[in-house]
Structures are given as structure tokens and as C-alpha cells.
Amino acid sequence: MVLDENLLQLSFESGIVIDIGWYPAFDVKGAFIVYKVVNGCWDKPEYKCNVGWDKSRLITKLKEVIGEVRIE
């Protein structure tokens, strides 16, 4: 399986972006990384979590991060 960095990105009107990617790209030893970025500050994400290859943990972390986003 070949995975790239850009897998899913959710943008909210509040300026929050939830991003999931595979890092390093195309590396079989890589990992899913979940980011929460506020106001375009990609250099200092508010949240970053490495979940390895564990898809269940990926879904759990994604739900947690989305649950923290205030949708207006």
C-alpha cells in the first residue's frame, strides 16, 4: 500500500483545520499523523498525534479532535 501525506483535510469556518496524512509520504514504515491547526499556523499546530498504522486509534483521535471544534 502506498500512502501520501495528503489524505484528509477538514476546514471549519472558525479557522480550524483538521488534517490527516501519512508521514513520511510513500514510506511503508510511516505513520498516520493527525493535526489540528488554528488560523493557518501550520508551523505550530495546536494538536499533533502520531497513531502509527492503527486505524481504530486514528478514527478515535479524529473523533476527539473534531469533537473539540466549536461549530457555529
PDB file of N, CA and C in Angstrom:
ATOM      1  N   MET A   1       0.842  -1.178   0.000  1.00  0.00           N
ATOM      2  CA  MET A   1       0.000   0.000   0.000  1.00  0.00           C
ATOM      3  C   MET A   1       0.885   1.239   0.000  1.00  0.00           C
ATOM      4  N   VAL A   2       0.518   2.211  -0.816  1.00  0.00           N
ATOM      5  CA  VAL A   2       1.267   3.459  -0.917  1.00  0.00           C
ATOM      6  C   VAL A   2       0.368   4.591  -0.438  1.00  0.00           C
ATOM      7  N   LEU A   3       0.832   5.327   0.564  1.00  0.00           N
ATOM      8  CA  LEU A   3       0.041   6.430   1.104  1.00  0.00           C
ATOM      9  C   LEU A   3       0.823   7.729   1.001  1.00  0.00           C
ATOM     10  N   ASP A   4       0.119   8.807   0.745  1.00  0.00           N
ATOM     11  CA  ASP A   4       0.711  10.133   0.605  1.00  0.00           C
ATOM     12  C   ASP A   4       0.424  10.954   1.859  1.00  0.00           C
ATOM     13  N   GLU A   5       1.075  12.099   1.955  1.00  0.00           N
ATOM     14  CA  GLU A   5       0.853  12.987   3.097  1.00  0.00           C
ATOM     15  C   GLU A   5      -0.576  13.496   3.141  1.00  0.00           C
ATOM     16  N   ASN A   6      -1.136  13.825   2.023  1.00  0.00           N
ATOM     17  CA  ASN A   6      -2.446  14.468   1.966  1.00  0.00           C
ATOM     18  C   ASN A   6      -3.559  13.440   1.819  1.00  0.00           C
ATOM     19  N   LEU A   7      -4.183  13.081   2.943  1.00  0.00           N
ATOM     20  CA  LEU A   7      -5.256  12.091   2.910  1.00  0.00           C
ATOM     21  C   LEU A   7      -6.619  12.698   3.199  1.00  0.00           C
ATOM     22  N   LEU A   8      -6.700  13.572   4.199  1.00  0.00           N
ATOM     23  CA  LEU A   8      -7.974  14.191   4.569  1.00  0.00           C
ATOM     24  C   LEU A   8      -7.704  15.545   5.198  1.00  0.00           C
ATOM     25  N   GLN A   9      -8.494  16.530   4.788  1.00  0.00           N
ATOM     26  CA  GLN A   9      -8.389  17.842   5.414  1.00  0.00           C
ATOM     27  C   GLN A   9      -9.790  18.419   5.573  1.00  0.00           C
ATOM     28  N   LEU A  10     -10.129  18.753   6.811  1.00  0.00           N
ATOM     29  CA  LEU A  10     -11.421  19.353   7.132  1.00  0.00           C
ATOM     30  C   LEU A  10     -11.185  20.801   7.551  1.00  0.00           C
ATOM     31  N   SER A  11     -11.835  21.735   6.877  1.00  0.00           N
ATOM     32  CA  SER A  11     -11.694  23.155   7.200  1.00  0.00           C
ATOM     33  C   SER A  11     -13.006  23.668   7.764  1.00  0.00           C
ATOM     34  N   PHE A  12     -12.915  24.359   8.887  1.00  0.00           N
ATOM     35  CA  PHE A  12     -14.092  24.899   9.558  1.00  0.00           C
ATOM     36  C   PHE A  12     -14.095  26.418   9.448  1.00  0.00           C
ATOM     37  N   GLU A  13     -15.276  27.014   9.450  1.00  0.00           N
ATOM     38  CA  GLU A  13     -15.402  28.471   9.352  1.00  0.00           C
ATOM     39  C   GLU A  13     -14.680  29.191  10.478  1.00  0.00           C
ATOM     40  N   SER A  14     -14.463  28.531  11.581  1.00  0.00           N
ATOM     41  CA  SER A  14     -13.786  29.133  12.732  1.00  0.00           C
ATOM     42  C   SER A  14     -12.283  29.317  12.505  1.00  0.00           C
ATOM     43  N   GLY A  15     -11.767  28.826  11.368  1.00  0.00           N
ATOM     44  CA  GLY A  15     -10.339  28.944  11.097  1.00  0.00           C
ATOM     45  C   GLY A  15      -9.539  27.726  11.513  1.00  0.00           C
ATOM     46  N   ILE A  16     -10.225  26.699  11.982  1.00  0.00           N
ATOM     47  CA  ILE A  16      -9.562  25.467  12.408  1.00  0.00           C
ATOM     48  C   ILE A  16      -9.524  24.492  11.230  1.00  0.00           C
ATOM     49  N   VAL A  17      -8.373  23.831  11.083  1.00  0.00           N
ATOM     50  CA  VAL A  17      -8.206  22.803  10.058  1.00  0.00           C
ATOM     51  C   VAL A  17      -7.773  21.521  10.752  1.00  0.00           C
ATOM     52  N   ILE A  18      -8.467  20.432  10.447  1.00  0.00           N
ATOM     53  CA  ILE A  18      -8.071  19.105  10.911  1.00  0.00           C
ATOM     54  C   ILE A  18      -7.457  18.412   9.694  1.00  0.00           C
ATOM     55  N   ASP A  19      -6.242  17.933   9.844  1.00  0.00           N
ATOM     56  CA  ASP A  19      -5.516  17.351   8.729  1.00  0.00           C
ATOM     57  C   ASP A  19      -4.998  15.965   9.118  1.00  0.00           C
ATOM     58  N   ILE A  20      -5.178  15.007   8.219  1.00  0.00           N
ATOM     59  CA  ILE A  20      -4.628  13.665   8.419  1.00  0.00           C
ATOM     60  C   ILE A  20      -3.749  13.344   7.229  1.00  0.00           C
ATOM     61  N   GLY A  21      -2.569  12.865   7.523  1.00  0.00           N
ATOM     62  CA  GLY A  21      -1.654  12.482   6.465  1.00  0.00           C
ATOM     63  C   GLY A  21      -0.818  11.285   6.868  1.00  0.00           C
ATOM     64  N   TRP A  22      -0.076  10.773   5.908  1.00  0.00           N
ATOM     65  CA  TRP A  22       0.848   9.655   6.122  1.00  0.00           C
ATOM     66  C   TRP A  22       2.248  10.222   5.995  1.00  0.00           C
ATOM     67  N   TYR A  23       3.038  10.100   7.046  1.00  0.00           N
ATOM     68  CA  TYR A  23       4.378  10.691   7.076  1.00  0.00           C
ATOM     69  C   TYR A  23       5.415   9.666   7.492  1.00  0.00           C
ATOM     70  N   PRO A  24       6.562   9.633   6.831  1.00  0.00           N
ATOM     71  CA  PRO A  24       6.848  10.323   5.579  1.00  0.00           C
ATOM     72  C   PRO A  24       6.069   9.706   4.423  1.00  0.00           C
ATOM     73  N   ALA A  25       5.753  10.542   3.452  1.00  0.00           N
ATOM     74  CA  ALA A  25       4.957  10.114   2.302  1.00  0.00           C
ATOM     75  C   ALA A  25       5.600   8.922   1.608  1.00  0.00           C
ATOM     76  N   PHE A  26       4.760   7.985   1.238  1.00  0.00           N
ATOM     77  CA  PHE A  26       5.135   6.800   0.459  1.00  0.00           C
ATOM     78  C   PHE A  26       6.102   5.857   1.179  1.00  0.00           C
ATOM     79  N   ASP A  27       6.300   6.043   2.467  1.00  0.00           N
ATOM     80  CA  ASP A  27       7.215   5.197   3.243  1.00  0.00           C
ATOM     81  C   ASP A  27       6.403   4.127   3.975  1.00  0.00           C
ATOM     82  N   VAL A  28       6.691   2.844   3.712  1.00  0.00           N
ATOM     83  CA  VAL A  28       5.932   1.759   4.352  1.00  0.00           C
ATOM     84  C   VAL A  28       6.122   1.743   5.866  1.00  0.00           C
ATOM     85  N   LYS A  29       7.151   2.398   6.361  1.00  0.00           N
ATOM     86  CA  LYS A  29       7.387   2.477   7.808  1.00  0.00           C
ATOM     87  C   LYS A  29       6.832   3.770   8.402  1.00  0.00           C
ATOM     88  N   GLY A  30       6.045   4.496   7.617  1.00  0.00           N
ATOM     89  CA  GLY A  30       5.481   5.759   8.081  1.00  0.00           C
ATOM     90  C   GLY A  30       4.344   5.555   9.073  1.00  0.00           C
ATOM     91  N   ALA A  31       3.611   6.645   9.317  1.00  0.00           N
ATOM     92  CA  ALA A  31       2.519   6.616  10.290  1.00  0.00           C
ATOM     93  C   ALA A  31       1.463   7.647   9.916  1.00  0.00           C
ATOM     94  N   PHE A  32       0.223   7.378  10.347  1.00  0.00           N
ATOM     95  CA  PHE A  32      -0.826   8.382  10.245  1.00  0.00           C
ATOM     96  C   PHE A  32      -0.553   9.460  11.304  1.00  0.00           C
ATOM     97  N   ILE A  33      -0.644  10.709  10.889  1.00  0.00           N
ATOM     98  CA  ILE A  33      -0.494  11.831  11.814  1.00  0.00           C
ATOM     99  C   ILE A  33      -1.762  12.681  11.723  1.00  0.00           C
ATOM    100  N   VAL A  34      -2.308  13.043  12.878  1.00  0.00           N
ATOM    101  CA  VAL A  34      -3.489  13.902  12.951  1.00  0.00           C
ATOM    102  C   VAL A  34      -3.035  15.264  13.465  1.00  0.00           C
ATOM    103  N   TYR A  35      -3.387  16.320  12.736  1.00  0.00           N
ATOM    104  CA  TYR A  35      -3.049  17.691  13.121  1.00  0.00           C
ATOM    105  C   TYR A  35      -4.324  18.496  13.327  1.00  0.00           C
ATOM    106  N   LYS A  36      -4.256  19.425  14.276  1.00  0.00           N
ATOM    107  CA  LYS A  36      -5.291  20.456  14.422  1.00  0.00           C
ATOM    108  C   LYS A  36      -4.561  21.785  14.331  1.00  0.00           C
ATOM    109  N   VAL A  37      -4.882  22.544  13.283  1.00  0.00           N
ATOM    110  CA  VAL A  37      -4.204  23.810  13.011  1.00  0.00           C
ATOM    111  C   VAL A  37      -5.206  24.942  13.175  1.00  0.00           C
ATOM    112  N   VAL A  38      -4.791  25.979  13.881  1.00  0.00           N
ATOM    113  CA  VAL A  38      -5.667  27.123  14.128  1.00  0.00           C
ATOM    114  C   VAL A  38      -5.103  28.348  13.425  1.00  0.00           C
ATOM    115  N   ASN A  39      -5.974  29.051  12.686  1.00  0.00           N
ATOM    116  CA  ASN A  39      -5.632  30.293  11.996  1.00  0.00           C
ATOM    117  C   ASN A  39      -4.407  30.171  11.096  1.00  0.00           C
ATOM    118  N   GLY A  40      -4.260  29.034  10.425  1.00  0.00           N
ATOM    119  CA  GLY A  40      -3.186  28.858   9.450  1.00  0.00           C
ATOM    120  C   GLY A  40      -1.795  28.696  10.018  1.00  0.00           C
ATOM    121  N   CYS A  41      -1.683  28.455  11.298  1.00  0.00           N
ATOM    122  CA  CYS A  41      -0.377  28.335  11.950  1.00  0.00           C
ATOM    123  C   CYS A  41       0.140  26.896  11.834  1.00  0.00           C
ATOM    124  N   TRP A  42       0.541  26.496  10.632  1.00  0.00           N
ATOM    125  CA  TRP A  42       0.997  25.127  10.371  1.00  0.00           C
ATOM    126  C   TRP A  42       2.327  24.820  11.048  1.00  0.00           C
ATOM    127  N   ASP A  43       3.130  25.850  11.325  1.00  0.00           N
ATOM    128  CA  ASP A  43       4.427  25.635  11.978  1.00  0.00           C
ATOM    129  C   ASP A  43       4.273  25.222  13.442  1.00  0.00           C
ATOM    130  N   LYS A  44       3.151  25.609  14.051  1.00  0.00           N
ATOM    131  CA  LYS A  44       2.887  25.280  15.452  1.00  0.00           C
ATOM    132  C   LYS A  44       1.453  24.790  15.598  1.00  0.00           C
ATOM    133  N   PRO A  45       1.187  23.543  15.172  1.00  0.00           N
ATOM    134  CA  PRO A  45      -0.189  23.041  15.297  1.00  0.00           C
ATOM    135  C   PRO A  45      -0.612  22.976  16.759  1.00  0.00           C
ATOM    136  N   GLU A  46      -1.885  23.244  17.002  1.00  0.00           N
ATOM    137  CA  GLU A  46      -2.416  23.183  18.359  1.00  0.00           C
ATOM    138  C   GLU A  46      -2.406  21.751  18.884  1.00  0.00           C
ATOM    139  N   TYR A  47      -2.520  20.801  17.963  1.00  0.00           N
ATOM    140  CA  TYR A  47      -2.571  19.393  18.353  1.00  0.00           C
ATOM    141  C   TYR A  47      -1.884  18.578  17.270  1.00  0.00           C
ATOM    142  N   LYS A  48      -1.114  17.577  17.687  1.00  0.00           N
ATOM    143  CA  LYS A  48      -0.471  16.655  16.753  1.00  0.00           C
ATOM    144  C   LYS A  48      -0.389  15.293  17.433  1.00  0.00           C
ATOM    145  N   CYS A  49      -0.827  14.261  16.722  1.00  0.00           N
ATOM    146  CA  CYS A  49      -0.827  12.926  17.299  1.00  0.00           C
ATOM    147  C   CYS A  49      -0.405  11.897  16.252  1.00  0.00           C
ATOM    148  N   ASN A  50       0.597  11.110  16.581  1.00  0.00           N
ATOM    149  CA  ASN A  50       1.059  10.014  15.740  1.00  0.00           C
ATOM    150  C   ASN A  50       0.309   8.764  16.178  1.00  0.00           C
ATOM    151  N   VAL A  51      -0.454   8.170  15.266  1.00  0.00           N
ATOM    152  CA  VAL A  51      -1.223   6.973  15.616  1.00  0.00           C
ATOM    153  C   VAL A  51      -0.704   5.724  14.910  1.00  0.00           C
ATOM    154  N   GLY A  52       0.478   5.812  14.312  1.00  0.00           N
ATOM    155  CA  GLY A  52       1.058   4.657  13.652  1.00  0.00           C
ATOM    156  C   GLY A  52       0.156   4.137  12.543  1.00  0.00           C
ATOM    157  N   TRP A  53      -0.008   2.825  12.455  1.00  0.00           N
ATOM    158  CA  TRP A  53      -0.831   2.198  11.449  1.00  0.00           C
ATOM    159  C   TRP A  53      -2.192   1.811  12.022  1.00  0.00           C
ATOM    160  N   ASP A  54      -2.435   2.094  13.280  1.00  0.00           N
ATOM    161  CA  ASP A  54      -3.646   1.675  13.979  1.00  0.00           C
ATOM    162  C   ASP A  54      -4.855   2.489  13.507  1.00  0.00           C
ATOM    163  N   LYS A  55      -5.635   1.917  12.604  1.00  0.00           N
ATOM    164  CA  LYS A  55      -6.772   2.639  12.026  1.00  0.00           C
ATOM    165  C   LYS A  55      -7.866   2.906  13.052  1.00  0.00           C
ATOM    166  N   SER A  56      -8.036   2.031  14.023  1.00  0.00           N
ATOM    167  CA  SER A  56      -9.030   2.267  15.079  1.00  0.00           C
ATOM    168  C   SER A  56      -8.646   3.475  15.913  1.00  0.00           C
ATOM    169  N   ARG A  57      -7.367   3.563  16.254  1.00  0.00           N
ATOM    170  CA  ARG A  57      -6.881   4.713  17.029  1.00  0.00           C
ATOM    171  C   ARG A  57      -6.983   5.994  16.195  1.00  0.00           C
ATOM    172  N   LEU A  58      -6.740   5.886  14.897  1.00  0.00           N
ATOM    173  CA  LEU A  58      -6.873   7.038  14.004  1.00  0.00           C
ATOM    174  C   LEU A  58      -8.298   7.577  14.051  1.00  0.00           C
ATOM    175  N   ILE A  59      -9.269   6.694  13.945  1.00  0.00           N
ATOM    176  CA  ILE A  59     -10.674   7.112  13.979  1.00  0.00           C
ATOM    177  C   ILE A  59     -11.025   7.719  15.333  1.00  0.00           C
ATOM    178  N   THR A  60     -10.542   7.111  16.412  1.00  0.00           N
ATOM    179  CA  THR A  60     -10.798   7.635  17.759  1.00  0.00           C
ATOM    180  C   THR A  60     -10.225   9.040  17.908  1.00  0.00           C
ATOM    181  N   LYS A  61      -8.973   9.239  17.499  1.00  0.00           N
ATOM    182  CA  LYS A  61      -8.340  10.557  17.626  1.00  0.00           C
ATOM    183  C   LYS A  61      -9.028  11.586  16.753  1.00  0.00           C
ATOM    184  N   LEU A  62      -9.441  11.185  15.542  1.00  0.00           N
ATOM    185  CA  LEU A  62     -10.148  12.105  14.669  1.00  0.00           C
ATOM    186  C   LEU A  62     -11.463  12.551  15.306  1.00  0.00           C
ATOM    187  N   LYS A  63     -12.213  11.615  15.873  1.00  0.00           N
ATOM    188  CA  LYS A  63     -13.468  11.969  16.551  1.00  0.00           C
ATOM    189  C   LYS A  63     -13.219  12.902  17.728  1.00  0.00           C
ATOM    190  N   GLU A  64     -12.149  12.650  18.494  1.00  0.00           N
ATOM    191  CA  GLU A  64     -11.814  13.516  19.630  1.00  0.00           C
ATOM    192  C   GLU A  64     -11.510  14.931  19.167  1.00  0.00           C
ATOM    193  N   VAL A  65     -10.691  15.057  18.141  1.00  0.00           N
ATOM    194  CA  VAL A  65     -10.295  16.384  17.661  1.00  0.00           C
ATOM    195  C   VAL A  65     -11.490  17.118  17.062  1.00  0.00           C
ATOM    196  N   ILE A  66     -12.303  16.427  16.274  1.00  0.00           N
ATOM    197  CA  ILE A  66     -13.489  17.069  15.703  1.00  0.00           C
ATOM    198  C   ILE A  66     -14.448  17.473  16.827  1.00  0.00           C
ATOM    199  N   GLY A  67     -14.566  16.652  17.852  1.00  0.00           N
ATOM    200  CA  GLY A  67     -15.440  16.970  18.977  1.00  0.00           C
ATOM    201  C   GLY A  67     -15.032  18.229  19.723  1.00  0.00           C
ATOM    202  N   GLU A  68     -13.741  18.580  19.632  1.00  0.00           N
ATOM    203  CA  GLU A  68     -13.230  19.781  20.294  1.00  0.00           C
ATOM    204  C   GLU A  68     -13.514  21.057  19.489  1.00  0.00           C
ATOM    205  N   VAL A  69     -13.845  20.896  18.217  1.00  0.00           N
ATOM    206  CA  VAL A  69     -14.075  22.048  17.348  1.00  0.00           C
ATOM    207  C   VAL A  69     -15.467  22.590  17.597  1.00  0.00           C
ATOM    208  N   ARG A  70     -15.529  23.870  17.833  1.00  0.00           N
ATOM    209  CA  ARG A  70     -16.821  24.530  18.047  1.00  0.00           C
ATOM    210  C   ARG A  70     -17.384  24.936  16.690  1.00  0.00           C
ATOM    211  N   ILE A  71     -18.467  24.313  16.317  1.00  0.00           N
ATOM    212  CA  ILE A  71     -19.091  24.603  15.026  1.00  0.00           C
ATOM    213  C   ILE A  71     -20.220  25.589  15.261  1.00  0.00           C
ATOM    214  N   GLU A  72     -20.118  26.735  14.614  1.00  0.00           N
ATOM    215  CA  GLU A  72     -21.113  27.781  14.798  1.00  0.00           C
ATOM    216  C   GLU A  72     -21.998  27.914  13.597  1.00  0.00           C
TER     217      GLU A  72
END
